[in-house]
Amino acid sequence: MADELDIRPDVRASGAGCVECLEAGGWWFHLRRCATCGHVGCCDSSPAQHATSHYRLSGHRVITSFEPGEEWFWDYGSGTELPATRLADPQSRPEDQPCPGPAGAVPSDWREHLHL
C-alpha cells in the first residue's frame, strides 16, 4: 500500500514551519507534512491552507500531522485516515515553537482568521 500512495519514509521535512507562510511573512495554526516529498504546509484551519494547496498542485495524496504528539496520516485521494508510518526525523515542529506560529507573525485577532 505504501508504494501505491508514494509514502517515502526517508525524506526529511522541508523545515520547521509552513514553507509558503515563512516566505510570505504569514502565519499558521497547525502544520502538516507531505509523506511523499516532506513539504511542510499549514492546515485547512489556517488562513492560507498551504498543505491542501500542495496536494492540489503536486498530486501528493498523503499528509501527516507535523504537531508534537500527533501521529496520524490522511489520504486526500480517498478522504480516509491511514495507519501511521515512521518518517525521517523530525517528527514535528519544534516543541518550543508556538501554536499558532511563527512567533512574532501571529495577529492578536488570529482566531477571527481561522477556517473552522
PDB file of N, CA and C in Angstrom:
ATOM      1  N   MET A   1       0.810  -1.202   0.000  1.00  0.00           N
ATOM      2  CA  MET A   1       0.000   0.000   0.000  1.00  0.00           C
ATOM      3  C   MET A   1       0.853   1.265   0.000  1.00  0.00           C
ATOM      4  N   ALA A   2       1.982   1.252   0.722  1.00  0.00           N
ATOM      5  CA  ALA A   2       2.819   2.442   0.801  1.00  0.00           C
ATOM      6  C   ALA A   2       3.328   2.860  -0.572  1.00  0.00           C
ATOM      7  N   ASP A   3       3.708   1.890  -1.428  1.00  0.00           N
ATOM      8  CA  ASP A   3       4.194   2.236  -2.759  1.00  0.00           C
ATOM      9  C   ASP A   3       3.103   2.894  -3.592  1.00  0.00           C
ATOM     10  N   GLU A   4       1.887   2.365  -3.523  1.00  0.00           N
ATOM     11  CA  GLU A   4       0.765   2.906  -4.274  1.00  0.00           C
ATOM     12  C   GLU A   4       0.492   4.363  -3.879  1.00  0.00           C
ATOM     13  N   LEU A   5       0.649   4.676  -2.609  1.00  0.00           N
ATOM     14  CA  LEU A   5       0.392   6.028  -2.104  1.00  0.00           C
ATOM     15  C   LEU A   5       1.635   6.903  -2.166  1.00  0.00           C
ATOM     16  N   ASP A   6       2.773   6.338  -2.504  1.00  0.00           N
ATOM     17  CA  ASP A   6       4.035   7.053  -2.636  1.00  0.00           C
ATOM     18  C   ASP A   6       4.481   7.701  -1.329  1.00  0.00           C
ATOM     19  N   ILE A   7       4.405   6.936  -0.251  1.00  0.00           N
ATOM     20  CA  ILE A   7       4.936   7.379   1.041  1.00  0.00           C
ATOM     21  C   ILE A   7       6.429   7.095   1.039  1.00  0.00           C
ATOM     22  N   ARG A   8       7.222   8.110   1.319  1.00  0.00           N
ATOM     23  CA  ARG A   8       8.687   7.986   1.276  1.00  0.00           C
ATOM     24  C   ARG A   8       9.259   8.243   2.665  1.00  0.00           C
ATOM     25  N   PRO A   9       9.478   7.189   3.444  1.00  0.00           N
ATOM     26  CA  PRO A   9       9.923   7.334   4.829  1.00  0.00           C
ATOM     27  C   PRO A   9      11.281   8.000   4.999  1.00  0.00           C
ATOM     28  N   ASP A  10      12.138   7.978   3.978  1.00  0.00           N
ATOM     29  CA  ASP A  10      13.484   8.537   4.108  1.00  0.00           C
ATOM     30  C   ASP A  10      13.558  10.038   3.859  1.00  0.00           C
ATOM     31  N   VAL A  11      12.500  10.640   3.339  1.00  0.00           N
ATOM     32  CA  VAL A  11      12.521  12.062   3.001  1.00  0.00           C
ATOM     33  C   VAL A  11      12.293  12.898   4.257  1.00  0.00           C
ATOM     34  N   ARG A  12      13.167  13.849   4.474  1.00  0.00           N
ATOM     35  CA  ARG A  12      13.067  14.729   5.651  1.00  0.00           C
ATOM     36  C   ARG A  12      12.056  15.840   5.412  1.00  0.00           C
ATOM     37  N   ALA A  13      11.554  16.402   6.484  1.00  0.00           N
ATOM     38  CA  ALA A  13      10.643  17.546   6.414  1.00  0.00           C
ATOM     39  C   ALA A  13      11.373  18.741   5.815  1.00  0.00           C
ATOM     40  N   SER A  14      10.637  19.586   5.106  1.00  0.00           N
ATOM     41  CA  SER A  14      11.230  20.736   4.424  1.00  0.00           C
ATOM     42  C   SER A  14      11.687  21.826   5.384  1.00  0.00           C
ATOM     43  N   GLY A  15      11.264  21.776   6.623  1.00  0.00           N
ATOM     44  CA  GLY A  15      11.663  22.771   7.608  1.00  0.00           C
ATOM     45  C   GLY A  15      10.786  22.690   8.837  1.00  0.00           C
ATOM     46  N   ALA A  16      10.892  23.696   9.695  1.00  0.00           N
ATOM     47  CA  ALA A  16      10.174  23.696  10.971  1.00  0.00           C
ATOM     48  C   ALA A  16       8.831  24.402  10.898  1.00  0.00           C
ATOM     49  N   GLY A  17       8.508  24.973   9.728  1.00  0.00           N
ATOM     50  CA  GLY A  17       7.248  25.693   9.581  1.00  0.00           C
ATOM     51  C   GLY A  17       6.747  25.631   8.160  1.00  0.00           C
ATOM     52  N   CYS A  18       5.586  26.222   7.921  1.00  0.00           N
ATOM     53  CA  CYS A  18       4.988  26.238   6.591  1.00  0.00           C
ATOM     54  C   CYS A  18       5.899  27.000   5.626  1.00  0.00           C
ATOM     55  N   VAL A  19       6.305  26.313   4.581  1.00  0.00           N
ATOM     56  CA  VAL A  19       7.234  26.884   3.609  1.00  0.00           C
ATOM     57  C   VAL A  19       6.703  28.209   3.052  1.00  0.00           C
ATOM     58  N   GLU A  20       5.473  28.186   2.562  1.00  0.00           N
ATOM     59  CA  GLU A  20       4.904  29.370   1.903  1.00  0.00           C
ATOM     60  C   GLU A  20       4.624  30.496   2.890  1.00  0.00           C
ATOM     61  N   CYS A  21       4.138  30.166   4.086  1.00  0.00           N
ATOM     62  CA  CYS A  21       3.887  31.206   5.089  1.00  0.00           C
ATOM     63  C   CYS A  21       5.184  31.903   5.492  1.00  0.00           C
ATOM     64  N   LEU A  22       6.241  31.131   5.685  1.00  0.00           N
ATOM     65  CA  LEU A  22       7.524  31.724   6.053  1.00  0.00           C
ATOM     66  C   LEU A  22       8.046  32.631   4.942  1.00  0.00           C
ATOM     67  N   GLU A  23       7.891  32.206   3.690  1.00  0.00           N
ATOM     68  CA  GLU A  23       8.356  33.030   2.566  1.00  0.00           C
ATOM     69  C   GLU A  23       7.567  34.327   2.451  1.00  0.00           C
ATOM     70  N   ALA A  24       6.260  34.278   2.778  1.00  0.00           N
ATOM     71  CA  ALA A  24       5.388  35.444   2.604  1.00  0.00           C
ATOM     72  C   ALA A  24       5.223  36.270   3.879  1.00  0.00           C
ATOM     73  N   GLY A  25       5.827  35.842   4.978  1.00  0.00           N
ATOM     74  CA  GLY A  25       5.655  36.554   6.243  1.00  0.00           C
ATOM     75  C   GLY A  25       4.307  36.274   6.891  1.00  0.00           C
ATOM     76  N   GLY A  26       3.682  35.151   6.514  1.00  0.00           N
ATOM     77  CA  GLY A  26       2.381  34.781   7.065  1.00  0.00           C
ATOM     78  C   GLY A  26       2.506  33.955   8.333  1.00  0.00           C
ATOM     79  N   TRP A  27       1.389  33.371   8.729  1.00  0.00           N
ATOM     80  CA  TRP A  27       1.350  32.560   9.943  1.00  0.00           C
ATOM     81  C   TRP A  27       0.407  31.379   9.746  1.00  0.00           C
ATOM     82  N   TRP A  28       0.489  30.415  10.660  1.00  0.00           N
ATOM     83  CA  TRP A  28      -0.305  29.202  10.561  1.00  0.00           C
ATOM     84  C   TRP A  28      -0.892  28.841  11.916  1.00  0.00           C
ATOM     85  N   PHE A  29      -1.899  27.972  11.860  1.00  0.00           N
ATOM     86  CA  PHE A  29      -2.499  27.423  13.070  1.00  0.00           C
ATOM     87  C   PHE A  29      -1.822  26.097  13.409  1.00  0.00           C
ATOM     88  N   HIS A  30      -1.959  25.095  12.555  1.00  0.00           N
ATOM     89  CA  HIS A  30      -1.286  23.810  12.719  1.00  0.00           C
ATOM     90  C   HIS A  30      -0.552  23.464  11.429  1.00  0.00           C
ATOM     91  N   LEU A  31       0.418  22.567  11.562  1.00  0.00           N
ATOM     92  CA  LEU A  31       1.251  22.202  10.422  1.00  0.00           C
ATOM     93  C   LEU A  31       1.000  20.767   9.975  1.00  0.00           C
ATOM     94  N   ARG A  32       1.163  20.553   8.671  1.00  0.00           N
ATOM     95  CA  ARG A  32       1.020  19.242   8.044  1.00  0.00           C
ATOM     96  C   ARG A  32       2.256  18.976   7.191  1.00  0.00           C
ATOM     97  N   ARG A  33       2.637  17.702   7.103  1.00  0.00           N
ATOM     98  CA  ARG A  33       3.833  17.298   6.358  1.00  0.00           C
ATOM     99  C   ARG A  33       3.435  16.322   5.255  1.00  0.00           C
ATOM    100  N   CYS A  34       3.895  16.575   4.050  1.00  0.00           N
ATOM    101  CA  CYS A  34       3.657  15.672   2.926  1.00  0.00           C
ATOM    102  C   CYS A  34       4.508  14.418   3.124  1.00  0.00           C
ATOM    103  N   ALA A  35       3.871  13.251   3.042  1.00  0.00           N
ATOM    104  CA  ALA A  35       4.582  11.985   3.238  1.00  0.00           C
ATOM    105  C   ALA A  35       5.358  11.555   1.998  1.00  0.00           C
ATOM    106  N   THR A  36       5.207  12.285   0.896  1.00  0.00           N
ATOM    107  CA  THR A  36       5.943  11.971  -0.323  1.00  0.00           C
ATOM    108  C   THR A  36       7.226  12.794  -0.422  1.00  0.00           C
ATOM    109  N   CYS A  37       7.112  14.118  -0.303  1.00  0.00           N
ATOM    110  CA  CYS A  37       8.285  14.983  -0.528  1.00  0.00           C
ATOM    111  C   CYS A  37       8.763  15.733   0.706  1.00  0.00           C
ATOM    112  N   GLY A  38       8.008  15.664   1.812  1.00  0.00           N
ATOM    113  CA  GLY A  38       8.424  16.335   3.035  1.00  0.00           C
ATOM    114  C   GLY A  38       7.963  17.779   3.164  1.00  0.00           C
ATOM    115  N   HIS A  39       7.254  18.297   2.166  1.00  0.00           N
ATOM    116  CA  HIS A  39       6.769  19.677   2.211  1.00  0.00           C
ATOM    117  C   HIS A  39       5.968  19.911   3.486  1.00  0.00           C
ATOM    118  N   VAL A  40       6.302  20.958   4.227  1.00  0.00           N
ATOM    119  CA  VAL A  40       5.532  21.333   5.409  1.00  0.00           C
ATOM    120  C   VAL A  40       4.650  22.509   5.028  1.00  0.00           C
ATOM    121  N   GLY A  41       3.342  22.322   5.224  1.00  0.00           N
ATOM    122  CA  GLY A  41       2.366  23.355   4.909  1.00  0.00           C
ATOM    123  C   GLY A  41       1.403  23.542   6.066  1.00  0.00           C
ATOM    124  N   CYS A  42       0.638  24.609   6.008  1.00  0.00           N
ATOM    125  CA  CYS A  42      -0.324  24.892   7.074  1.00  0.00           C
ATOM    126  C   CYS A  42      -1.642  24.166   6.819  1.00  0.00           C
ATOM    127  N   CYS A  43      -2.357  23.895   7.902  1.00  0.00           N
ATOM    128  CA  CYS A  43      -3.595  23.105   7.862  1.00  0.00           C
ATOM    129  C   CYS A  43      -4.754  23.887   7.253  1.00  0.00           C
ATOM    130  N   ASP A  44      -5.860  23.200   7.050  1.00  0.00           N
ATOM    131  CA  ASP A  44      -7.040  23.821   6.449  1.00  0.00           C
ATOM    132  C   ASP A  44      -7.732  24.827   7.361  1.00  0.00           C
ATOM    133  N   SER A  45      -7.432  24.822   8.649  1.00  0.00           N
ATOM    134  CA  SER A  45      -7.963  25.863   9.544  1.00  0.00           C
ATOM    135  C   SER A  45      -7.148  27.149   9.439  1.00  0.00           C
ATOM    136  N   SER A  46      -5.930  27.053   8.942  1.00  0.00           N
ATOM    137  CA  SER A  46      -5.049  28.213   8.787  1.00  0.00           C
ATOM    138  C   SER A  46      -5.558  29.109   7.669  1.00  0.00           C
ATOM    139  N   PRO A  47      -5.229  30.406   7.719  1.00  0.00           N
ATOM    140  CA  PRO A  47      -5.714  31.328   6.685  1.00  0.00           C
ATOM    141  C   PRO A  47      -5.362  30.923   5.260  1.00  0.00           C
ATOM    142  N   ALA A  48      -4.161  30.406   5.019  1.00  0.00           N
ATOM    143  CA  ALA A  48      -3.716  30.148   3.645  1.00  0.00           C
ATOM    144  C   ALA A  48      -3.880  28.703   3.179  1.00  0.00           C
ATOM    145  N   GLN A  49      -4.056  27.750   4.068  1.00  0.00           N
ATOM    146  CA  GLN A  49      -4.329  26.352   3.717  1.00  0.00           C
ATOM    147  C   GLN A  49      -3.321  25.774   2.715  1.00  0.00           C
ATOM    148  N   HIS A  50      -2.029  25.959   2.996  1.00  0.00           N
ATOM    149  CA  HIS A  50      -0.992  25.561   2.054  1.00  0.00           C
ATOM    150  C   HIS A  50      -0.812  24.051   1.902  1.00  0.00           C
ATOM    151  N   ALA A  51      -1.116  23.249   2.924  1.00  0.00           N
ATOM    152  CA  ALA A  51      -0.964  21.798   2.771  1.00  0.00           C
ATOM    153  C   ALA A  51      -1.905  21.262   1.694  1.00  0.00           C
ATOM    154  N   THR A  52      -3.159  21.699   1.723  1.00  0.00           N
ATOM    155  CA  THR A  52      -4.107  21.261   0.697  1.00  0.00           C
ATOM    156  C   THR A  52      -3.724  21.815  -0.669  1.00  0.00           C
ATOM    157  N   SER A  53      -3.230  23.042  -0.718  1.00  0.00           N
ATOM    158  CA  SER A  53      -2.763  23.606  -1.993  1.00  0.00           C
ATOM    159  C   SER A  53      -1.624  22.765  -2.564  1.00  0.00           C
ATOM    160  N   HIS A  54      -0.730  22.315  -1.694  1.00  0.00           N
ATOM    161  CA  HIS A  54       0.375  21.469  -2.137  1.00  0.00           C
ATOM    162  C   HIS A  54      -0.157  20.173  -2.759  1.00  0.00           C
ATOM    163  N   TYR A  55      -1.140  19.567  -2.115  1.00  0.00           N
ATOM    164  CA  TYR A  55      -1.747  18.351  -2.678  1.00  0.00           C
ATOM    165  C   TYR A  55      -2.339  18.630  -4.059  1.00  0.00           C
ATOM    166  N   ARG A  56      -3.076  19.703  -4.186  1.00  0.00           N
ATOM    167  CA  ARG A  56      -3.718  20.021  -5.470  1.00  0.00           C
ATOM    168  C   ARG A  56      -2.701  20.275  -6.575  1.00  0.00           C
ATOM    169  N   LEU A  57      -1.596  20.922  -6.239  1.00  0.00           N
ATOM    170  CA  LEU A  57      -0.568  21.229  -7.238  1.00  0.00           C
ATOM    171  C   LEU A  57       0.327  20.029  -7.555  1.00  0.00           C
ATOM    172  N   SER A  58       0.647  19.231  -6.546  1.00  0.00           N
ATOM    173  CA  SER A  58       1.622  18.154  -6.721  1.00  0.00           C
ATOM    174  C   SER A  58       0.989  16.781  -6.968  1.00  0.00           C
ATOM    175  N   GLY A  59      -0.232  16.590  -6.464  1.00  0.00           N
ATOM    176  CA  GLY A  59      -0.842  15.270  -6.534  1.00  0.00           C
ATOM    177  C   GLY A  59      -0.377  14.341  -5.431  1.00  0.00           C
ATOM    178  N   HIS A  60       0.459  14.841  -4.520  1.00  0.00           N
ATOM    179  CA  HIS A  60       0.928  14.027  -3.397  1.00  0.00           C
ATOM    180  C   HIS A  60      -0.229  13.871  -2.415  1.00  0.00           C
ATOM    181  N   ARG A  61      -0.756  12.665  -2.316  1.00  0.00           N
ATOM    182  CA  ARG A  61      -2.023  12.417  -1.625  1.00  0.00           C
ATOM    183  C   ARG A  61      -1.956  12.331  -0.111  1.00  0.00           C
ATOM    184  N   VAL A  62      -0.813  11.935   0.458  1.00  0.00           N
ATOM    185  CA  VAL A  62      -0.768  11.595   1.877  1.00  0.00           C
ATOM    186  C   VAL A  62      -0.032  12.651   2.690  1.00  0.00           C
ATOM    187  N   ILE A  63      -0.701  13.089   3.763  1.00  0.00           N
ATOM    188  CA  ILE A  63      -0.080  14.018   4.708  1.00  0.00           C
ATOM    189  C   ILE A  63      -0.111  13.398   6.098  1.00  0.00           C
ATOM    190  N   THR A  64       0.685  13.956   6.967  1.00  0.00           N
ATOM    191  CA  THR A  64       0.678  13.600   8.375  1.00  0.00           C
ATOM    192  C   THR A  64       0.734  14.887   9.180  1.00  0.00           C
ATOM    193  N   SER A  65       0.304  14.791  10.414  1.00  0.00           N
ATOM    194  CA  SER A  65       0.417  15.952  11.294  1.00  0.00           C
ATOM    195  C   SER A  65       1.891  16.252  11.525  1.00  0.00           C
ATOM    196  N   PHE A  66       2.218  17.528  11.644  1.00  0.00           N
ATOM    197  CA  PHE A  66       3.569  17.948  11.999  1.00  0.00           C
ATOM    198  C   PHE A  66       3.515  18.685  13.337  1.00  0.00           C
ATOM    199  N   GLU A  67       2.565  18.245  14.171  1.00  0.00           N
ATOM    200  CA  GLU A  67       2.378  18.800  15.508  1.00  0.00           C
ATOM    201  C   GLU A  67       2.898  17.806  16.547  1.00  0.00           C
ATOM    202  N   PRO A  68       3.554  18.297  17.604  1.00  0.00           N
ATOM    203  CA  PRO A  68       4.066  17.394  18.645  1.00  0.00           C
ATOM    204  C   PRO A  68       2.963  16.513  19.228  1.00  0.00           C
ATOM    205  N   GLY A  69       3.259  15.229  19.364  1.00  0.00           N
ATOM    206  CA  GLY A  69       2.338  14.290  19.986  1.00  0.00           C
ATOM    207  C   GLY A  69       1.237  13.750  19.092  1.00  0.00           C
ATOM    208  N   GLU A  70       1.149  14.204  17.854  1.00  0.00           N
ATOM    209  CA  GLU A  70       0.124  13.712  16.934  1.00  0.00           C
ATOM    210  C   GLU A  70       0.756  12.742  15.943  1.00  0.00           C
ATOM    211  N   GLU A  71       0.125  11.594  15.760  1.00  0.00           N
ATOM    212  CA  GLU A  71       0.660  10.553  14.871  1.00  0.00           C
ATOM    213  C   GLU A  71      -0.439  10.019  13.971  1.00  0.00           C
ATOM    214  N   TRP A  72      -0.950  10.817  13.076  1.00  0.00           N
ATOM    215  CA  TRP A  72      -1.984  10.353  12.148  1.00  0.00           C
ATOM    216  C   TRP A  72      -1.572  10.706  10.723  1.00  0.00           C
ATOM    217  N   PHE A  73      -2.109   9.931   9.788  1.00  0.00           N
ATOM    218  CA  PHE A  73      -1.883  10.144   8.358  1.00  0.00           C
ATOM    219  C   PHE A  73      -3.237  10.263   7.680  1.00  0.00           C
ATOM    220  N   TRP A  74      -3.312  11.091   6.645  1.00  0.00           N
ATOM    221  CA  TRP A  74      -4.556  11.334   5.917  1.00  0.00           C
ATOM    222  C   TRP A  74      -4.289  11.219   4.422  1.00  0.00           C
ATOM    223  N   ASP A  75      -5.187  10.525   3.733  1.00  0.00           N
ATOM    224  CA  ASP A  75      -5.105  10.378   2.285  1.00  0.00           C
ATOM    225  C   ASP A  75      -6.144  11.296   1.655  1.00  0.00           C
ATOM    226  N   TYR A  76      -5.686  12.372   1.029  1.00  0.00           N
ATOM    227  CA  TYR A  76      -6.606  13.294   0.355  1.00  0.00           C
ATOM    228  C   TYR A  76      -7.394  12.574  -0.742  1.00  0.00           C
ATOM    229  N   GLY A  77      -6.748  11.630  -1.423  1.00  0.00           N
ATOM    230  CA  GLY A  77      -7.381  10.943  -2.547  1.00  0.00           C
ATOM    231  C   GLY A  77      -8.618  10.158  -2.153  1.00  0.00           C
ATOM    232  N   SER A  78      -8.548   9.439  -1.042  1.00  0.00           N
ATOM    233  CA  SER A  78      -9.685   8.627  -0.603  1.00  0.00           C
ATOM    234  C   SER A  78     -10.487   9.287   0.506  1.00  0.00           C
ATOM    235  N   GLY A  79      -9.937  10.351   1.093  1.00  0.00           N
ATOM    236  CA  GLY A  79     -10.621  11.006   2.205  1.00  0.00           C
ATOM    237  C   GLY A  79     -10.662  10.144   3.451  1.00  0.00           C
ATOM    238  N   THR A  80      -9.609   9.347   3.664  1.00  0.00           N
ATOM    239  CA  THR A  80      -9.578   8.455   4.813  1.00  0.00           C
ATOM    240  C   THR A  80      -8.269   8.567   5.581  1.00  0.00           C
ATOM    241  N   GLU A  81      -8.357   8.207   6.863  1.00  0.00           N
ATOM    242  CA  GLU A  81      -7.169   8.133   7.694  1.00  0.00           C
ATOM    243  C   GLU A  81      -6.420   6.851   7.355  1.00  0.00           C
ATOM    244  N   LEU A  82      -5.099   6.900   7.453  1.00  0.00           N
ATOM    245  CA  LEU A  82      -4.244   5.748   7.153  1.00  0.00           C
ATOM    246  C   LEU A  82      -3.449   5.350   8.386  1.00  0.00           C
ATOM    247  N   PRO A  83      -2.958   4.122   8.426  1.00  0.00           N
ATOM    248  CA  PRO A  83      -2.077   3.733   9.529  1.00  0.00           C
ATOM    249  C   PRO A  83      -0.818   4.599   9.519  1.00  0.00           C
ATOM    250  N   ALA A  84      -0.317   4.923  10.704  1.00  0.00           N
ATOM    251  CA  ALA A  84       0.886   5.741  10.826  1.00  0.00           C
ATOM    252  C   ALA A  84       2.101   4.984  10.300  1.00  0.00           C
ATOM    253  N   THR A  85       3.016   5.724   9.703  1.00  0.00           N
ATOM    254  CA  THR A  85       4.282   5.213   9.190  1.00  0.00           C
ATOM    255  C   THR A  85       5.382   6.096   9.753  1.00  0.00           C
ATOM    256  N   ARG A  86       6.451   5.515  10.202  1.00  0.00           N
ATOM    257  CA  ARG A  86       7.562   6.312  10.742  1.00  0.00           C
ATOM    258  C   ARG A  86       8.284   6.990   9.580  1.00  0.00           C
ATOM    259  N   LEU A  87       8.356   8.324   9.635  1.00  0.00           N
ATOM    260  CA  LEU A  87       9.085   9.100   8.628  1.00  0.00           C
ATOM    261  C   LEU A  87      10.407   9.565   9.218  1.00  0.00           C
ATOM    262  N   ALA A  88      11.271  10.077   8.367  1.00  0.00           N
ATOM    263  CA  ALA A  88      12.556  10.609   8.823  1.00  0.00           C
ATOM    264  C   ALA A  88      12.323  11.750   9.811  1.00  0.00           C
ATOM    265  N   ASP A  89      13.186  11.849  10.800  1.00  0.00           N
ATOM    266  CA  ASP A  89      13.098  12.951  11.767  1.00  0.00           C
ATOM    267  C   ASP A  89      13.373  14.277  11.082  1.00  0.00           C
ATOM    268  N   PRO A  90      12.805  15.353  11.588  1.00  0.00           N
ATOM    269  CA  PRO A  90      11.990  15.468  12.788  1.00  0.00           C
ATOM    270  C   PRO A  90      10.550  15.021  12.540  1.00  0.00           C
ATOM    271  N   GLN A  91       9.885  14.577  13.599  1.00  0.00           N
ATOM    272  CA  GLN A  91       8.511  14.111  13.508  1.00  0.00           C
ATOM    273  C   GLN A  91       7.496  15.248  13.640  1.00  0.00           C
ATOM    274  N   SER A  92       7.955  16.390  14.151  1.00  0.00           N
ATOM    275  CA  SER A  92       7.043  17.520  14.361  1.00  0.00           C
ATOM    276  C   SER A  92       7.819  18.828  14.383  1.00  0.00           C
ATOM    277  N   ARG A  93       7.043  19.911  14.405  1.00  0.00           N
ATOM    278  CA  ARG A  93       7.669  21.219  14.596  1.00  0.00           C
ATOM    279  C   ARG A  93       8.373  21.209  15.946  1.00  0.00           C
ATOM    280  N   PRO A  94       9.317  22.116  16.176  1.00  0.00           N
ATOM    281  CA  PRO A  94       9.966  22.181  17.484  1.00  0.00           C
ATOM    282  C   PRO A  94       8.926  22.466  18.580  1.00  0.00           C
ATOM    283  N   GLU A  95       9.045  21.789  19.694  1.00  0.00           N
ATOM    284  CA  GLU A  95       8.077  21.973  20.774  1.00  0.00           C
ATOM    285  C   GLU A  95       8.088  23.380  21.339  1.00  0.00           C
ATOM    286  N   ASP A  96       9.206  24.105  21.209  1.00  0.00           N
ATOM    287  CA  ASP A  96       9.249  25.475  21.727  1.00  0.00           C
ATOM    288  C   ASP A  96       8.704  26.504  20.728  1.00  0.00           C
ATOM    289  N   GLN A  97       8.322  26.056  19.547  1.00  0.00           N
ATOM    290  CA  GLN A  97       7.698  26.935  18.551  1.00  0.00           C
ATOM    291  C   GLN A  97       6.222  27.083  18.916  1.00  0.00           C
ATOM    292  N   PRO A  98       5.721  28.291  19.027  1.00  0.00           N
ATOM    293  CA  PRO A  98       4.338  28.461  19.469  1.00  0.00           C
ATOM    294  C   PRO A  98       3.306  27.991  18.446  1.00  0.00           C
ATOM    295  N   CYS A  99       2.130  27.733  18.944  1.00  0.00           N
ATOM    296  CA  CYS A  99       0.996  27.367  18.109  1.00  0.00           C
ATOM    297  C   CYS A  99      -0.158  28.289  18.496  1.00  0.00           C
ATOM    298  N   PRO A 100      -0.639  29.140  17.605  1.00  0.00           N
ATOM    299  CA  PRO A 100      -0.186  29.288  16.224  1.00  0.00           C
ATOM    300  C   PRO A 100       1.200  29.919  16.154  1.00  0.00           C
ATOM    301  N   GLY A 101       1.779  29.875  14.982  1.00  0.00           N
ATOM    302  CA  GLY A 101       3.131  30.372  14.807  1.00  0.00           C
ATOM    303  C   GLY A 101       3.320  30.936  13.415  1.00  0.00           C
ATOM    304  N   PRO A 102       4.487  31.415  13.120  1.00  0.00           N
ATOM    305  CA  PRO A 102       5.659  31.506  13.982  1.00  0.00           C
ATOM    306  C   PRO A 102       5.575  32.699  14.925  1.00  0.00           C
ATOM    307  N   ALA A 103       6.396  32.675  15.930  1.00  0.00           N
ATOM    308  CA  ALA A 103       6.427  33.762  16.913  1.00  0.00           C
ATOM    309  C   ALA A 103       6.646  35.092  16.211  1.00  0.00           C
ATOM    310  N   GLY A 104       5.870  36.075  16.592  1.00  0.00           N
ATOM    311  CA  GLY A 104       6.010  37.418  16.041  1.00  0.00           C
ATOM    312  C   GLY A 104       5.196  37.687  14.793  1.00  0.00           C
ATOM    313  N   ALA A 105       4.618  36.659  14.183  1.00  0.00           N
ATOM    314  CA  ALA A 105       3.856  36.852  12.945  1.00  0.00           C
ATOM    315  C   ALA A 105       2.351  36.685  13.127  1.00  0.00           C
ATOM    316  N   VAL A 106       1.935  36.215  14.284  1.00  0.00           N
ATOM    317  CA  VAL A 106       0.525  35.907  14.516  1.00  0.00           C
ATOM    318  C   VAL A 106      -0.201  37.159  15.013  1.00  0.00           C
ATOM    319  N   PRO A 107      -1.277  37.572  14.334  1.00  0.00           N
ATOM    320  CA  PRO A 107      -2.007  38.765  14.776  1.00  0.00           C
ATOM    321  C   PRO A 107      -2.771  38.495  16.077  1.00  0.00           C
ATOM    322  N   SER A 108      -3.040  39.542  16.828  1.00  0.00           N
ATOM    323  CA  SER A 108      -3.739  39.380  18.104  1.00  0.00           C
ATOM    324  C   SER A 108      -5.157  38.835  17.918  1.00  0.00           C
ATOM    325  N   ASP A 109      -5.761  39.079  16.767  1.00  0.00           N
ATOM    326  CA  ASP A 109      -7.114  38.584  16.493  1.00  0.00           C
ATOM    327  C   ASP A 109      -7.097  37.309  15.644  1.00  0.00           C
ATOM    328  N   TRP A 110      -6.073  36.484  15.820  1.00  0.00           N
ATOM    329  CA  TRP A 110      -5.854  35.316  14.967  1.00  0.00           C
ATOM    330  C   TRP A 110      -7.049  34.382  14.905  1.00  0.00           C
ATOM    331  N   ARG A 111      -7.792  34.242  15.982  1.00  0.00           N
ATOM    332  CA  ARG A 111      -8.950  33.326  15.975  1.00  0.00           C
ATOM    333  C   ARG A 111      -9.988  33.735  14.926  1.00  0.00           C
ATOM    334  N   GLU A 112     -10.096  35.015  14.663  1.00  0.00           N
ATOM    335  CA  GLU A 112     -11.059  35.513  13.695  1.00  0.00           C
ATOM    336  C   GLU A 112     -10.671  35.176  12.246  1.00  0.00           C
ATOM    337  N   HIS A 113      -9.434  34.730  12.023  1.00  0.00           N
ATOM    338  CA  HIS A 113      -8.944  34.428  10.685  1.00  0.00           C
ATOM    339  C   HIS A 113      -8.951  32.939  10.361  1.00  0.00           C
ATOM    340  N   LEU A 114      -9.339  32.099  11.325  1.00  0.00           N
ATOM    341  CA  LEU A 114      -9.332  30.654  11.124  1.00  0.00           C
ATOM    342  C   LEU A 114     -10.508  30.211  10.285  1.00  0.00           C
ATOM    343  N   HIS A 115     -10.305  29.142   9.539  1.00  0.00           N
ATOM    344  CA  HIS A 115     -11.377  28.476   8.777  1.00  0.00           C
ATOM    345  C   HIS A 115     -11.813  27.283   9.624  1.00  0.00           C
ATOM    346  N   LEU A 116     -12.903  27.428  10.307  1.00  0.00           N
ATOM    347  CA  LEU A 116     -13.363  26.335  11.179  1.00  0.00           C
ATOM    348  C   LEU A 116     -14.632  25.703  10.667  1.00  0.00           C
TER     349      LEU A 116
END
